[in-house]
Amino acid sequence: MGWIRKLLVLFVGLAFMGTGFWIFGILCFGYLILTLRSGKPKATQSSSKGHLIASPRYMLGGALIILSLVAFSSGGTFSPVLFGSLAAVVLIWPLLPFGPLLARVVPLEDTILLRSTLVPFVWHSVAEVKPGAEDFARALASYEGRLMIAKPGTIYAHVRAIAFDAKGAEGKVTQEFRRIATSVQPGGAYLLPLDSATSSQAFRRRISRVPFAGDGLAGPGPDLLVIDSAGGFVSRSGSYNMAPGPASGSVFPDSTRTLRKSPLTWEVLESLGRRLRWPEPDSFSNLLQSVHASRQEVLSERLANLESSGAKVKVQALGGDEVELSRAQLRAILSIYS
């Protein structure tokens, strides 16, 4: 969501607050808060003071505080409390216990999307990162986005989108996966989007946060490590344990903290590779490599065989083995590597 659109939503929200339709103003501010939390991570080596000034969350919180003071000086009674409360929510949002509730999702059938149960315009999607022939850690050294690394060594790319319908959400997550795919080294890593049922099942666990210690990457290996990487550095991380057994729903952990020192993404993955077991290239890796290499060709030239089999589609890459995918997966793969 661009800054011009965010400012427009802010002004519309402020306009509603001065009318009898103030409830729509509150919805506008809630929408702004969610879009600020869904922004792309930005790695930085700047001081904490510079980060404080540059943070959109602090800028919005400061603007609301100013509005509260202006309303108070103008003799307002309800508006100062309202603006002050909104400012407090914006500023302390990361500390509020809303993460697990907002992170709960439900799968949307025949898509790669999972929708938030409480906020219907927040969508999630997951792709498994498949290794290629090159060094896996080095291939992900310039990864741009969020990675979820689960024992014994499975890596997932997790994206989130704000959209009012499934079609718009699917377009946004596919575009984000396409951007991520261009940030990794060709031949070293590829993205295999998971359909909603598969990704929902993979994260149908009881997730508990591991206490933050040191740089957030030290200590005994957690069941799940979430890192936000950009510019070749890991800027934020979160560690979790996952208990077996059924849970009330699928949850994507969304509580990461800024690291005091931003290590290189390659260093983090190299270190994890000594404790975990990265997967070996498989038939899906061969398919993704072939689709990527033939992205300029027409569809009939990109696949050696395409056969429907019930709810699945059997696909054979050029010179590779036959694999089985859902239709949603195949659509996403061809869109990402187009």
Protein backbone atom coordinates (compact mmCIF):
# COMPACT_ATOMS: atom_id res chain seq x y z
CA MET A 1 0.00 0.00 0.00
CA GLY A 2 1.64 3.23 -1.16
CA TRP A 3 2.14 6.28 1.02
CA ILE A 4 -0.29 8.37 -1.04
CA ARG A 5 -3.04 5.84 -0.45
CA LYS A 6 -2.20 5.64 3.25
CA LEU A 7 -2.44 9.42 3.58
CA LEU A 8 -5.75 9.36 1.73
CA VAL A 9 -7.12 6.74 4.15
CA LEU A 10 -5.83 8.84 7.08
CA PHE A 11 -7.57 11.99 5.82
CA VAL A 12 -10.80 10.10 5.13
CA GLY A 13 -10.66 8.65 8.63
CA LEU A 14 -10.14 12.10 10.14
CA ALA A 15 -13.03 13.47 8.10
CA PHE A 16 -15.34 10.73 9.36
CA MET A 17 -14.31 11.41 12.96
CA GLY A 18 -15.86 14.87 12.72
CA THR A 19 -19.23 13.51 11.62
CA GLY A 20 -21.82 11.14 12.93
CA PHE A 21 -20.13 8.36 10.99
CA TRP A 22 -17.14 8.20 13.37
CA ILE A 23 -17.27 4.39 13.38
CA PHE A 24 -15.99 4.44 9.78
CA GLY A 25 -13.12 6.66 10.92
CA ILE A 26 -12.13 4.02 13.47
CA LEU A 27 -12.22 1.38 10.73
CA CYS A 28 -9.90 3.55 8.60
CA PHE A 29 -7.42 3.82 11.47
CA GLY A 30 -7.59 0.07 12.08
CA TYR A 31 -6.91 -0.53 8.40
CA LEU A 32 -3.88 1.78 8.58
CA ILE A 33 -2.49 -0.08 11.61
CA LEU A 34 -2.74 -3.42 9.82
CA THR A 35 -1.07 -2.11 6.65
CA LEU A 36 1.80 -0.67 8.69
CA ARG A 37 2.38 -4.06 10.29
CA SER A 38 2.31 -5.81 6.90
CA GLY A 39 5.02 -3.65 5.32
CA LYS A 40 8.18 -5.20 3.90
CA PRO A 41 11.07 -5.58 6.37
CA LYS A 42 13.88 -3.11 5.88
CA ALA A 43 17.36 -4.04 7.03
CA THR A 44 19.33 -1.20 8.48
CA GLN A 45 22.51 -0.56 10.34
CA SER A 46 21.31 2.84 11.63
CA SER A 47 21.07 3.80 15.28
CA SER A 48 17.98 3.16 17.35
CA LYS A 49 17.23 6.89 17.33
CA GLY A 50 17.19 7.03 13.54
CA HIS A 51 15.01 3.93 13.41
CA LEU A 52 12.60 5.55 15.86
CA ILE A 53 12.22 8.64 13.69
CA ALA A 54 11.85 6.68 10.44
CA SER A 55 9.27 4.17 11.75
CA PRO A 56 5.83 4.69 10.13
CA ARG A 57 4.20 3.40 13.32
CA TYR A 58 5.82 6.13 15.43
CA MET A 59 5.00 8.75 12.80
CA LEU A 60 1.31 7.78 12.84
CA GLY A 61 1.30 7.61 16.64
CA GLY A 62 2.88 11.05 16.89
CA ALA A 63 0.35 12.51 14.46
CA LEU A 64 -2.52 11.12 16.55
CA ILE A 65 -1.01 12.57 19.74
CA ILE A 66 -0.81 15.99 18.08
CA LEU A 67 -4.44 15.69 16.97
CA SER A 68 -5.42 14.76 20.52
CA LEU A 69 -3.67 17.86 21.92
CA VAL A 70 -5.26 20.09 19.28
CA ALA A 71 -8.71 18.66 20.07
CA PHE A 72 -8.13 19.21 23.80
CA SER A 73 -7.01 22.81 23.32
CA SER A 74 -10.11 23.42 21.19
CA GLY A 75 -12.34 22.38 24.06
CA GLY A 76 -13.19 18.91 22.81
CA THR A 77 -14.32 16.23 25.26
CA PHE A 78 -14.73 12.98 23.34
CA SER A 79 -12.23 13.55 20.51
CA PRO A 80 -9.09 14.04 22.72
CA VAL A 81 -9.77 10.72 24.45
CA LEU A 82 -10.44 8.98 21.15
CA PHE A 83 -7.31 10.30 19.40
CA GLY A 84 -5.20 9.63 22.49
CA SER A 85 -6.49 6.07 22.71
CA LEU A 86 -5.75 5.46 19.03
CA ALA A 87 -2.23 6.86 19.53
CA ALA A 88 -1.66 4.50 22.47
CA VAL A 89 -2.84 1.50 20.46
CA VAL A 90 -0.56 2.39 17.54
CA LEU A 91 2.51 2.96 19.73
CA ILE A 92 2.19 -0.15 21.94
CA TRP A 93 0.71 -2.40 19.25
CA PRO A 94 3.66 -4.88 19.20
CA LEU A 95 3.21 -5.44 22.94
CA LEU A 96 -0.51 -6.17 22.79
CA PRO A 97 -1.60 -9.84 23.00
CA PHE A 98 -3.43 -9.70 19.67
CA GLY A 99 -0.79 -11.57 17.65
CA PRO A 100 -2.09 -15.15 18.12
CA LEU A 101 -5.67 -14.05 17.45
CA LEU A 102 -4.85 -12.06 14.33
CA ALA A 103 -2.49 -14.80 13.09
CA ARG A 104 -5.18 -17.53 13.11
CA VAL A 105 -6.16 -18.46 9.55
CA VAL A 106 -8.54 -20.67 7.59
CA PRO A 107 -7.78 -22.17 4.16
CA LEU A 108 -9.62 -21.09 1.02
CA GLU A 109 -10.36 -24.14 -1.11
CA ASP A 110 -8.65 -24.52 -4.50
CA THR A 111 -6.27 -21.61 -3.89
CA ILE A 112 -2.89 -20.95 -2.29
CA LEU A 113 -4.57 -18.52 0.13
CA LEU A 114 -5.37 -18.63 3.82
CA ARG A 115 -7.62 -15.92 5.24
CA SER A 116 -7.42 -14.39 8.70
CA THR A 117 -10.36 -15.53 10.83
CA LEU A 118 -10.79 -12.17 12.59
CA VAL A 119 -9.74 -9.72 9.85
CA PRO A 120 -11.28 -10.91 6.56
CA PHE A 121 -9.17 -8.63 4.35
CA VAL A 122 -5.84 -10.05 5.62
CA TRP A 123 -4.53 -12.99 3.56
CA HIS A 124 -1.55 -15.32 3.92
CA SER A 125 0.26 -17.67 1.57
CA VAL A 126 3.19 -20.05 1.96
CA ALA A 127 5.73 -21.49 -0.47
CA GLU A 128 8.26 -24.18 0.35
CA VAL A 129 11.79 -23.16 -0.62
CA LYS A 130 13.27 -25.97 -2.70
CA PRO A 131 17.04 -26.31 -3.15
CA GLY A 132 18.69 -26.31 -6.54
CA ALA A 133 22.08 -27.58 -7.62
CA GLU A 134 24.01 -24.61 -6.15
CA ASP A 135 24.90 -23.95 -2.51
CA PHE A 136 21.56 -23.53 -0.70
CA ALA A 137 22.64 -20.98 1.94
CA ARG A 138 24.50 -18.79 -0.55
CA ALA A 139 21.55 -18.92 -2.94
CA LEU A 140 19.37 -17.36 -0.21
CA ALA A 141 21.98 -14.78 0.84
CA SER A 142 20.08 -11.97 -0.90
CA TYR A 143 16.59 -13.21 0.01
CA GLU A 144 14.08 -10.37 0.43
CA GLY A 145 11.17 -11.19 2.72
CA ARG A 146 10.12 -13.51 5.53
CA LEU A 147 11.49 -17.03 5.99
CA MET A 148 10.11 -19.65 8.38
CA ILE A 149 12.66 -22.37 9.12
CA ALA A 150 11.25 -25.52 10.73
CA LYS A 151 12.98 -28.63 12.01
CA PRO A 152 14.47 -30.80 10.64
CA GLY A 153 15.33 -28.31 7.87
CA THR A 154 12.27 -27.25 5.87
CA ILE A 155 12.23 -23.59 4.80
CA TYR A 156 9.02 -21.74 3.97
CA ALA A 157 8.54 -18.33 2.36
CA HIS A 158 5.63 -16.55 4.01
CA VAL A 159 3.86 -13.55 2.50
CA ARG A 160 0.88 -11.52 3.64
CA ALA A 161 -1.45 -9.29 1.64
CA ILE A 162 -4.24 -6.82 2.30
CA ALA A 163 -7.15 -7.25 -0.12
CA PHE A 164 -10.93 -7.21 -0.04
CA ASP A 165 -11.45 -10.34 -2.17
CA ALA A 166 -9.67 -13.58 -2.99
CA LYS A 167 -8.88 -12.59 -6.58
CA GLY A 168 -7.10 -9.44 -5.49
CA ALA A 169 -5.28 -11.31 -2.72
CA GLU A 170 -4.10 -14.05 -5.07
CA GLY A 171 -2.73 -11.46 -7.47
CA LYS A 172 -0.86 -9.69 -4.66
CA VAL A 173 0.69 -12.80 -3.10
CA THR A 174 1.71 -14.12 -6.53
CA GLN A 175 3.35 -10.80 -7.32
CA GLU A 176 5.19 -10.91 -3.99
CA PHE A 177 6.39 -14.46 -4.62
CA ARG A 178 7.58 -13.35 -8.06
CA ARG A 179 9.56 -10.53 -6.45
CA ILE A 180 11.05 -12.92 -3.89
CA ALA A 181 11.98 -15.43 -6.61
CA THR A 182 14.04 -12.76 -8.36
CA SER A 183 15.93 -12.01 -5.13
CA VAL A 184 17.42 -15.50 -4.79
CA GLN A 185 20.24 -16.97 -6.84
CA PRO A 186 18.93 -18.86 -9.90
CA GLY A 187 19.99 -22.48 -9.77
CA GLY A 188 20.27 -22.44 -5.98
CA ALA A 189 16.72 -22.07 -4.66
CA TYR A 190 13.16 -22.08 -6.01
CA LEU A 191 9.69 -21.42 -4.61
CA LEU A 192 7.05 -24.16 -4.57
CA PRO A 193 3.73 -22.52 -3.56
CA LEU A 194 1.62 -24.74 -1.32
CA ASP A 195 -2.12 -25.03 -1.75
CA SER A 196 -4.18 -23.82 1.17
CA ALA A 197 -4.97 -27.28 2.54
CA THR A 198 -1.29 -28.32 2.64
CA SER A 199 -0.02 -25.11 4.24
CA SER A 200 -2.88 -25.11 6.73
CA GLN A 201 -2.05 -28.66 7.79
CA ALA A 202 1.67 -27.84 8.11
CA PHE A 203 0.93 -25.07 10.64
CA ARG A 204 -1.90 -26.74 12.53
CA ARG A 205 0.17 -26.82 15.72
CA ARG A 206 0.26 -25.29 19.17
CA ILE A 207 2.88 -22.57 18.87
CA SER A 208 4.57 -20.97 21.85
CA ARG A 209 7.16 -18.21 21.71
CA VAL A 210 10.69 -18.91 22.94
CA PRO A 211 11.95 -16.08 25.20
CA PHE A 212 14.00 -13.51 23.32
CA ALA A 213 17.68 -13.73 24.29
CA GLY A 214 20.76 -12.05 22.91
CA ASP A 215 20.37 -11.44 19.20
CA GLY A 216 17.34 -13.72 19.02
CA LEU A 217 19.23 -16.35 17.02
CA ALA A 218 21.38 -17.85 19.78
CA GLY A 219 20.66 -20.65 22.21
CA PRO A 220 19.22 -24.11 21.58
CA GLY A 221 17.55 -24.56 18.25
CA PRO A 222 13.80 -23.81 18.36
CA ASP A 223 11.23 -25.83 16.46
CA LEU A 224 10.57 -22.83 14.24
CA LEU A 225 12.70 -19.77 13.51
CA VAL A 226 11.14 -16.79 11.73
CA ILE A 227 13.48 -14.24 10.16
CA ASP A 228 12.83 -11.08 8.17
CA SER A 229 15.61 -10.50 5.67
CA ALA A 230 16.34 -7.59 3.35
CA GLY A 231 19.45 -6.13 1.76
CA GLY A 232 21.44 -9.26 2.65
CA PHE A 233 20.84 -8.81 6.40
CA VAL A 234 18.44 -10.31 8.95
CA SER A 235 16.68 -7.37 10.60
CA ARG A 236 14.09 -9.16 12.78
CA SER A 237 13.62 -12.66 14.16
CA GLY A 238 11.37 -14.76 16.37
CA SER A 239 11.78 -18.25 17.83
CA TYR A 240 8.96 -20.69 18.56
CA ASN A 241 8.31 -24.20 19.79
CA MET A 242 5.56 -26.24 18.20
CA ALA A 243 3.70 -28.84 20.26
CA PRO A 244 2.22 -31.89 18.50
CA GLY A 245 -1.45 -32.64 18.47
CA PRO A 246 -4.54 -30.89 17.13
CA ALA A 247 -4.97 -27.17 17.65
CA SER A 248 -8.01 -24.95 17.34
CA GLY A 249 -6.74 -23.70 13.98
CA SER A 250 -3.73 -22.95 11.84
CA VAL A 251 -1.51 -20.12 13.07
CA PHE A 252 1.32 -18.25 11.38
CA PRO A 253 3.64 -16.77 14.03
CA ASP A 254 3.83 -13.05 13.48
CA SER A 255 5.71 -11.73 16.51
CA THR A 256 9.28 -10.87 15.57
CA ARG A 257 11.64 -8.43 17.25
CA THR A 258 14.27 -6.10 15.89
CA LEU A 259 17.81 -7.43 16.37
CA ARG A 260 20.37 -5.25 18.10
CA LYS A 261 22.90 -6.27 15.47
CA SER A 262 21.79 -7.35 12.01
CA PRO A 263 23.78 -10.43 10.90
CA LEU A 264 24.20 -11.40 7.28
CA THR A 265 21.45 -13.67 6.01
CA TRP A 266 24.08 -15.99 4.60
CA GLU A 267 25.81 -16.24 8.02
CA VAL A 268 22.54 -17.13 9.75
CA LEU A 269 21.69 -19.84 7.21
CA GLU A 270 25.23 -21.23 7.28
CA SER A 271 25.03 -21.48 11.07
CA LEU A 272 21.62 -23.13 10.94
CA GLY A 273 22.90 -25.56 8.31
CA ARG A 274 25.31 -27.00 10.87
CA ARG A 275 22.43 -27.85 13.21
CA LEU A 276 19.72 -28.69 10.70
CA ARG A 277 19.57 -30.89 7.63
CA TRP A 278 18.80 -28.92 4.49
CA PRO A 279 16.75 -30.91 1.95
CA GLU A 280 18.31 -32.32 -1.20
CA PRO A 281 17.10 -31.40 -4.71
CA ASP A 282 14.14 -33.56 -5.74
CA SER A 283 11.65 -33.91 -8.58
CA PHE A 284 9.93 -30.65 -7.60
CA SER A 285 13.28 -28.87 -7.74
CA ASN A 286 13.79 -30.19 -11.27
CA LEU A 287 10.32 -29.03 -12.30
CA LEU A 288 10.84 -25.53 -10.89
CA GLN A 289 14.27 -25.26 -12.48
CA SER A 290 12.85 -26.27 -15.85
CA VAL A 291 9.91 -23.86 -15.61
CA HIS A 292 12.26 -21.04 -14.61
CA ALA A 293 14.71 -21.79 -17.43
CA SER A 294 11.92 -21.88 -20.05
CA ARG A 295 9.99 -18.86 -18.75
CA GLN A 296 10.25 -17.10 -22.12
CA GLU A 297 8.69 -20.03 -23.98
CA VAL A 298 5.02 -20.84 -24.59
CA LEU A 299 3.32 -23.24 -22.18
CA SER A 300 3.38 -26.19 -24.59
CA GLU A 301 7.18 -25.90 -24.76
CA ARG A 302 7.68 -25.53 -21.00
CA LEU A 303 6.15 -28.83 -19.94
CA ALA A 304 6.79 -32.24 -21.46
CA ASN A 305 3.52 -33.70 -20.21
CA LEU A 306 0.35 -32.37 -18.58
CA GLU A 307 -2.36 -34.78 -17.43
CA SER A 308 -5.39 -34.33 -15.16
CA SER A 309 -5.86 -36.83 -12.36
CA GLY A 310 -8.92 -36.09 -10.23
CA ALA A 311 -8.28 -33.05 -8.06
CA LYS A 312 -4.60 -33.09 -9.02
CA VAL A 313 -2.59 -32.46 -12.15
CA LYS A 314 0.33 -34.64 -13.20
CA VAL A 315 3.14 -32.60 -14.70
CA GLN A 316 6.43 -33.64 -16.23
CA ALA A 317 9.22 -31.14 -16.75
CA LEU A 318 11.56 -31.26 -19.72
CA GLY A 319 14.01 -34.04 -18.93
CA GLY A 320 12.56 -34.55 -15.42
CA ASP A 321 10.34 -36.92 -13.48
CA GLU A 322 6.57 -36.70 -13.32
CA VAL A 323 5.19 -34.90 -10.25
CA GLU A 324 1.69 -34.31 -8.95
CA LEU A 325 0.43 -30.82 -8.11
CA SER A 326 -2.87 -29.18 -7.31
CA ARG A 327 -4.28 -26.86 -9.96
CA ALA A 328 -3.78 -23.90 -7.63
CA GLN A 329 -0.10 -24.80 -7.27
CA LEU A 330 0.42 -25.11 -11.01
CA ARG A 331 -1.26 -21.75 -11.68
CA ALA A 332 0.93 -20.08 -9.06
CA ILE A 333 4.16 -21.69 -10.33
CA LEU A 334 3.53 -20.59 -13.91
CA SER A 335 2.66 -17.07 -12.71
CA ILE A 336 5.76 -16.76 -10.51
CA TYR A 337 8.17 -18.07 -13.13
CA SER A 338 6.68 -16.29 -16.12
